[in-house]
Amino acid sequence: MGGDTLIAMTLFIGLFGSPVAMLYIYLKFRSKKLKIIEKMLDANREVTPEMLAVLNQPNSSTPGSDIRMAVFYLTIGVAIFLMLMFEVFGNPARLSLLSLLPLSIGISYLIASRLKES
């Protein structure tokens, strides 16, 4: 398998796989919310607008969410750096600077998680 084929496959998967994955994740979380509402209705509880507002809020206060995001971005940054250092795209010296963006985002998430703990 040549380099052109690999690039074409990666582009195809990225262009068509990403929207499908995002749609799946959206529908999965939406079905979780609907199951919670269904359980409340089965238990003869009233579903108030305040409860619906709480269900629709993003859950950014989950314990460890900053550390998970930090590990995610650090992993992406290291992967980009290693990929470029193994000369996947040609000139690795200049392109390896691209890995600084996810690395710095990951480091900032680590700092934010440490500040939340203290």
N, C-alpha and C. Protein backbone atom coordinates (compact mmCIF):
# COMPACT_ATOMS: atom_id res chain seq x y z
N MET A 1 0.86 -1.18 0.00
CA MET A 1 0.00 0.00 0.00
C MET A 1 0.90 1.23 0.00
N GLY A 2 0.72 2.07 -0.99
CA GLY A 2 1.55 3.25 -1.14
C GLY A 2 1.08 4.39 -0.26
N GLY A 3 1.88 5.43 -0.23
CA GLY A 3 1.56 6.59 0.58
C GLY A 3 0.32 7.32 0.10
N ASP A 4 0.12 7.34 -1.24
CA ASP A 4 -1.06 8.02 -1.78
C ASP A 4 -2.34 7.31 -1.36
N THR A 5 -2.30 5.99 -1.36
CA THR A 5 -3.48 5.21 -0.95
C THR A 5 -3.78 5.43 0.52
N LEU A 6 -2.75 5.47 1.33
CA LEU A 6 -2.94 5.69 2.76
C LEU A 6 -3.54 7.06 3.04
N ILE A 7 -3.06 8.07 2.33
CA ILE A 7 -3.60 9.42 2.51
C ILE A 7 -5.05 9.48 2.07
N ALA A 8 -5.37 8.84 0.95
CA ALA A 8 -6.75 8.83 0.46
C ALA A 8 -7.68 8.10 1.43
N MET A 9 -7.22 6.98 1.98
CA MET A 9 -8.05 6.24 2.95
C MET A 9 -8.27 7.06 4.21
N THR A 10 -7.23 7.71 4.70
CA THR A 10 -7.35 8.53 5.90
C THR A 10 -8.30 9.70 5.67
N LEU A 11 -8.20 10.32 4.51
CA LEU A 11 -9.09 11.43 4.17
C LEU A 11 -10.53 10.95 4.08
N PHE A 12 -10.76 9.81 3.46
CA PHE A 12 -12.11 9.27 3.32
C PHE A 12 -12.71 8.94 4.68
N ILE A 13 -11.93 8.26 5.52
CA ILE A 13 -12.42 7.90 6.86
C ILE A 13 -12.67 9.15 7.69
N GLY A 14 -11.78 10.12 7.59
CA GLY A 14 -11.95 11.36 8.36
C GLY A 14 -13.16 12.15 7.92
N LEU A 15 -13.38 12.25 6.61
CA LEU A 15 -14.49 13.05 6.10
C LEU A 15 -15.85 12.40 6.35
N PHE A 16 -15.91 11.09 6.20
CA PHE A 16 -17.20 10.42 6.33
C PHE A 16 -17.38 9.74 7.68
N GLY A 17 -16.30 9.37 8.33
CA GLY A 17 -16.41 8.71 9.62
C GLY A 17 -16.68 9.66 10.77
N SER A 18 -16.12 10.86 10.70
CA SER A 18 -16.30 11.83 11.79
C SER A 18 -17.76 12.25 11.96
N PRO A 19 -18.47 12.62 10.89
CA PRO A 19 -19.89 12.98 11.10
C PRO A 19 -20.73 11.81 11.61
N VAL A 20 -20.43 10.61 11.15
CA VAL A 20 -21.17 9.45 11.62
C VAL A 20 -20.90 9.22 13.11
N ALA A 21 -19.65 9.37 13.52
CA ALA A 21 -19.31 9.19 14.94
C ALA A 21 -19.96 10.27 15.80
N MET A 22 -19.96 11.52 15.32
CA MET A 22 -20.59 12.60 16.09
C MET A 22 -22.09 12.39 16.21
N LEU A 23 -22.72 11.93 15.14
CA LEU A 23 -24.15 11.65 15.18
C LEU A 23 -24.46 10.52 16.15
N TYR A 24 -23.64 9.48 16.15
CA TYR A 24 -23.83 8.37 17.07
C TYR A 24 -23.72 8.83 18.53
N ILE A 25 -22.71 9.62 18.82
CA ILE A 25 -22.51 10.11 20.19
C ILE A 25 -23.67 11.01 20.61
N TYR A 26 -24.12 11.88 19.72
CA TYR A 26 -25.25 12.76 20.03
C TYR A 26 -26.50 11.94 20.33
N LEU A 27 -26.80 10.97 19.48
CA LEU A 27 -28.01 10.16 19.69
C LEU A 27 -27.90 9.29 20.94
N LYS A 28 -26.70 8.84 21.26
CA LYS A 28 -26.51 8.03 22.47
C LYS A 28 -26.81 8.85 23.72
N PHE A 29 -26.28 10.07 23.80
CA PHE A 29 -26.54 10.91 24.97
C PHE A 29 -27.99 11.37 25.02
N ARG A 30 -28.58 11.59 23.86
CA ARG A 30 -29.98 11.99 23.81
C ARG A 30 -30.87 10.85 24.32
N SER A 31 -30.53 9.62 23.94
CA SER A 31 -31.34 8.49 24.41
C SER A 31 -31.18 8.29 25.92
N LYS A 32 -30.00 8.61 26.47
CA LYS A 32 -29.84 8.53 27.93
C LYS A 32 -30.77 9.51 28.63
N LYS A 33 -30.86 10.73 28.10
CA LYS A 33 -31.74 11.72 28.70
C LYS A 33 -33.19 11.28 28.60
N LEU A 34 -33.56 10.71 27.47
CA LEU A 34 -34.93 10.25 27.30
C LEU A 34 -35.25 9.08 28.23
N LYS A 35 -34.29 8.22 28.48
CA LYS A 35 -34.49 7.11 29.42
C LYS A 35 -34.70 7.62 30.84
N ILE A 36 -33.97 8.64 31.22
CA ILE A 36 -34.15 9.23 32.56
C ILE A 36 -35.55 9.81 32.69
N ILE A 37 -36.00 10.53 31.66
CA ILE A 37 -37.35 11.10 31.70
C ILE A 37 -38.39 9.99 31.72
N GLU A 38 -38.16 8.93 30.96
CA GLU A 38 -39.10 7.80 30.93
C GLU A 38 -39.19 7.12 32.29
N LYS A 39 -38.06 6.95 32.96
CA LYS A 39 -38.06 6.34 34.30
C LYS A 39 -38.84 7.20 35.29
N MET A 40 -38.67 8.52 35.17
CA MET A 40 -39.39 9.42 36.08
C MET A 40 -40.90 9.34 35.82
N LEU A 41 -41.28 9.26 34.57
CA LEU A 41 -42.71 9.16 34.26
C LEU A 41 -43.29 7.82 34.69
N ASP A 42 -42.49 6.75 34.58
CA ASP A 42 -42.94 5.43 35.04
C ASP A 42 -43.12 5.39 36.54
N ALA A 43 -42.33 6.18 37.26
CA ALA A 43 -42.43 6.23 38.72
C ALA A 43 -43.47 7.25 39.17
N ASN A 44 -44.28 7.75 38.23
CA ASN A 44 -45.34 8.73 38.52
C ASN A 44 -44.78 10.01 39.15
N ARG A 45 -43.59 10.40 38.73
CA ARG A 45 -43.02 11.67 39.18
C ARG A 45 -43.29 12.73 38.12
N GLU A 46 -43.39 13.94 38.59
CA GLU A 46 -43.64 15.05 37.67
C GLU A 46 -42.31 15.54 37.08
N VAL A 47 -42.32 15.75 35.78
CA VAL A 47 -41.14 16.27 35.10
C VAL A 47 -41.33 17.78 34.94
N THR A 48 -40.56 18.53 35.70
CA THR A 48 -40.70 19.98 35.69
C THR A 48 -39.73 20.60 34.68
N PRO A 49 -39.99 21.84 34.28
CA PRO A 49 -39.05 22.52 33.38
C PRO A 49 -37.66 22.69 33.98
N GLU A 50 -37.59 22.81 35.30
CA GLU A 50 -36.28 22.93 35.96
C GLU A 50 -35.47 21.65 35.78
N MET A 51 -36.15 20.51 35.90
CA MET A 51 -35.45 19.23 35.71
C MET A 51 -34.95 19.09 34.28
N LEU A 52 -35.77 19.51 33.33
CA LEU A 52 -35.35 19.44 31.93
C LEU A 52 -34.17 20.37 31.66
N ALA A 53 -34.17 21.52 32.33
CA ALA A 53 -33.05 22.46 32.16
C ALA A 53 -31.77 21.85 32.71
N VAL A 54 -31.87 21.15 33.84
CA VAL A 54 -30.69 20.51 34.42
C VAL A 54 -30.19 19.40 33.50
N LEU A 55 -31.10 18.64 32.90
CA LEU A 55 -30.69 17.56 32.00
C LEU A 55 -30.02 18.10 30.74
N ASN A 56 -30.39 19.29 30.30
CA ASN A 56 -29.83 19.85 29.08
C ASN A 56 -28.53 20.61 29.29
N GLN A 57 -28.11 20.81 30.54
CA GLN A 57 -26.86 21.51 30.80
C GLN A 57 -25.68 20.58 30.51
N PRO A 58 -24.60 21.13 29.96
CA PRO A 58 -23.42 20.29 29.77
C PRO A 58 -22.81 19.93 31.11
N ASN A 59 -22.30 18.73 31.21
CA ASN A 59 -21.76 18.22 32.46
C ASN A 59 -20.24 18.38 32.47
N SER A 60 -19.78 19.61 32.67
CA SER A 60 -18.34 19.86 32.68
C SER A 60 -17.74 19.71 34.07
N SER A 61 -18.58 19.52 35.08
CA SER A 61 -18.06 19.43 36.44
C SER A 61 -17.84 17.98 36.87
N THR A 62 -17.80 17.06 35.93
CA THR A 62 -17.56 15.67 36.26
C THR A 62 -16.15 15.54 36.84
N PRO A 63 -16.03 14.85 37.97
CA PRO A 63 -14.69 14.69 38.53
C PRO A 63 -13.75 13.99 37.56
N GLY A 64 -12.60 14.57 37.36
CA GLY A 64 -11.61 13.98 36.48
C GLY A 64 -11.77 14.34 35.01
N SER A 65 -12.75 15.17 34.67
CA SER A 65 -12.93 15.50 33.26
C SER A 65 -11.75 16.28 32.71
N ASP A 66 -11.15 17.15 33.52
CA ASP A 66 -9.99 17.90 33.07
C ASP A 66 -8.79 16.98 32.84
N ILE A 67 -8.62 16.00 33.69
CA ILE A 67 -7.50 15.08 33.53
C ILE A 67 -7.71 14.21 32.29
N ARG A 68 -8.95 13.80 32.04
CA ARG A 68 -9.23 13.02 30.83
C ARG A 68 -8.94 13.83 29.58
N MET A 69 -9.37 15.07 29.59
CA MET A 69 -9.10 15.93 28.43
C MET A 69 -7.60 16.19 28.28
N ALA A 70 -6.90 16.34 29.40
CA ALA A 70 -5.46 16.56 29.34
C ALA A 70 -4.76 15.36 28.74
N VAL A 71 -5.13 14.16 29.17
CA VAL A 71 -4.52 12.96 28.63
C VAL A 71 -4.84 12.83 27.14
N PHE A 72 -6.06 13.17 26.76
CA PHE A 72 -6.45 13.12 25.35
C PHE A 72 -5.58 14.04 24.51
N TYR A 73 -5.46 15.30 24.90
CA TYR A 73 -4.69 16.25 24.11
C TYR A 73 -3.19 15.94 24.15
N LEU A 74 -2.68 15.50 25.29
CA LEU A 74 -1.27 15.12 25.34
C LEU A 74 -0.98 13.94 24.42
N THR A 75 -1.89 12.98 24.38
CA THR A 75 -1.72 11.83 23.51
C THR A 75 -1.74 12.24 22.05
N ILE A 76 -2.68 13.12 21.69
CA ILE A 76 -2.74 13.61 20.31
C ILE A 76 -1.45 14.36 19.95
N GLY A 77 -0.97 15.20 20.86
CA GLY A 77 0.26 15.95 20.59
C GLY A 77 1.46 15.05 20.42
N VAL A 78 1.59 14.04 21.28
CA VAL A 78 2.72 13.10 21.16
C VAL A 78 2.60 12.29 19.88
N ALA A 79 1.37 11.89 19.53
CA ALA A 79 1.19 11.12 18.30
C ALA A 79 1.56 11.94 17.07
N ILE A 80 1.15 13.20 17.04
CA ILE A 80 1.51 14.06 15.90
C ILE A 80 3.03 14.23 15.84
N PHE A 81 3.65 14.46 17.00
CA PHE A 81 5.09 14.64 17.03
C PHE A 81 5.82 13.40 16.53
N LEU A 82 5.41 12.21 17.01
CA LEU A 82 6.07 10.98 16.58
C LEU A 82 5.84 10.70 15.10
N MET A 83 4.62 10.97 14.64
CA MET A 83 4.32 10.75 13.23
C MET A 83 5.20 11.64 12.35
N LEU A 84 5.37 12.87 12.76
CA LEU A 84 6.17 13.79 11.97
C LEU A 84 7.67 13.49 12.10
N MET A 85 8.09 12.99 13.23
CA MET A 85 9.50 12.67 13.39
C MET A 85 9.88 11.42 12.60
N PHE A 86 8.92 10.53 12.34
CA PHE A 86 9.20 9.37 11.50
C PHE A 86 9.01 9.68 10.02
N GLU A 87 8.97 10.98 9.70
CA GLU A 87 8.94 11.49 8.35
C GLU A 87 7.77 10.97 7.53
N VAL A 88 6.60 10.99 8.12
CA VAL A 88 5.41 10.58 7.38
C VAL A 88 5.06 11.63 6.34
N PHE A 89 5.23 12.90 6.67
CA PHE A 89 4.84 13.97 5.76
C PHE A 89 6.00 14.72 5.14
N GLY A 90 7.18 14.21 5.18
CA GLY A 90 8.29 14.89 4.50
C GLY A 90 9.25 15.57 5.46
N ASN A 91 9.20 16.89 5.56
CA ASN A 91 10.14 17.67 6.37
C ASN A 91 9.67 17.68 7.83
N PRO A 92 10.26 16.83 8.69
CA PRO A 92 9.76 16.72 10.06
C PRO A 92 10.13 17.88 10.97
N ALA A 93 11.20 18.59 10.67
CA ALA A 93 11.66 19.63 11.59
C ALA A 93 10.66 20.77 11.70
N ARG A 94 10.16 21.24 10.59
CA ARG A 94 9.22 22.36 10.64
C ARG A 94 7.82 21.90 11.01
N LEU A 95 7.41 20.76 10.50
CA LEU A 95 6.05 20.30 10.77
C LEU A 95 5.86 19.78 12.19
N SER A 96 6.94 19.38 12.84
CA SER A 96 6.80 18.87 14.21
C SER A 96 6.33 19.94 15.18
N LEU A 97 6.43 21.20 14.79
CA LEU A 97 5.92 22.28 15.63
C LEU A 97 4.40 22.24 15.73
N LEU A 98 3.73 21.56 14.80
CA LEU A 98 2.28 21.42 14.87
C LEU A 98 1.84 20.69 16.14
N SER A 99 2.71 19.86 16.67
CA SER A 99 2.35 19.10 17.87
C SER A 99 2.33 19.98 19.12
N LEU A 100 2.86 21.19 19.04
CA LEU A 100 2.86 22.07 20.21
C LEU A 100 1.46 22.52 20.60
N LEU A 101 0.55 22.65 19.64
CA LEU A 101 -0.80 23.10 19.95
C LEU A 101 -1.53 22.11 20.86
N PRO A 102 -1.70 20.84 20.47
CA PRO A 102 -2.38 19.92 21.40
C PRO A 102 -1.59 19.68 22.68
N LEU A 103 -0.27 19.73 22.61
CA LEU A 103 0.52 19.56 23.83
C LEU A 103 0.26 20.69 24.81
N SER A 104 0.21 21.92 24.32
CA SER A 104 -0.04 23.05 25.22
C SER A 104 -1.47 23.03 25.75
N ILE A 105 -2.43 22.60 24.95
CA ILE A 105 -3.80 22.48 25.45
C ILE A 105 -3.86 21.42 26.54
N GLY A 106 -3.18 20.30 26.35
CA GLY A 106 -3.14 19.24 27.36
C GLY A 106 -2.50 19.70 28.65
N ILE A 107 -1.41 20.45 28.54
CA ILE A 107 -0.75 20.97 29.74
C ILE A 107 -1.65 21.96 30.47
N SER A 108 -2.39 22.78 29.71
CA SER A 108 -3.29 23.73 30.37
C SER A 108 -4.43 23.01 31.08
N TYR A 109 -4.93 21.91 30.51
CA TYR A 109 -5.96 21.12 31.21
C TYR A 109 -5.39 20.50 32.48
N LEU A 110 -4.14 20.04 32.44
CA LEU A 110 -3.51 19.50 33.66
C LEU A 110 -3.40 20.57 34.73
N ILE A 111 -2.99 21.77 34.34
CA ILE A 111 -2.87 22.87 35.31
C ILE A 111 -4.24 23.21 35.87
N ALA A 112 -5.27 23.24 35.02
CA ALA A 112 -6.62 23.56 35.49
C ALA A 112 -7.12 22.51 36.46
N SER A 113 -6.82 21.23 36.20
CA SER A 113 -7.28 20.20 37.13
C SER A 113 -6.57 20.30 38.46
N ARG A 114 -5.29 20.66 38.45
CA ARG A 114 -4.54 20.83 39.71
C ARG A 114 -5.08 22.03 40.50
N LEU A 115 -5.44 23.10 39.78
CA LEU A 115 -5.98 24.28 40.47
C LEU A 115 -7.35 24.00 41.07
N LYS A 116 -8.16 23.15 40.41
CA LYS A 116 -9.47 22.81 40.96
C LYS A 116 -9.34 21.99 42.23
N GLU A 117 -8.31 21.12 42.29
CA GLU A 117 -8.13 20.28 43.45
C GLU A 117 -7.71 21.07 44.68
N SER A 118 -6.94 22.13 44.48
CA SER A 118 -6.46 22.89 45.64
C SER A 118 -7.35 24.06 45.97
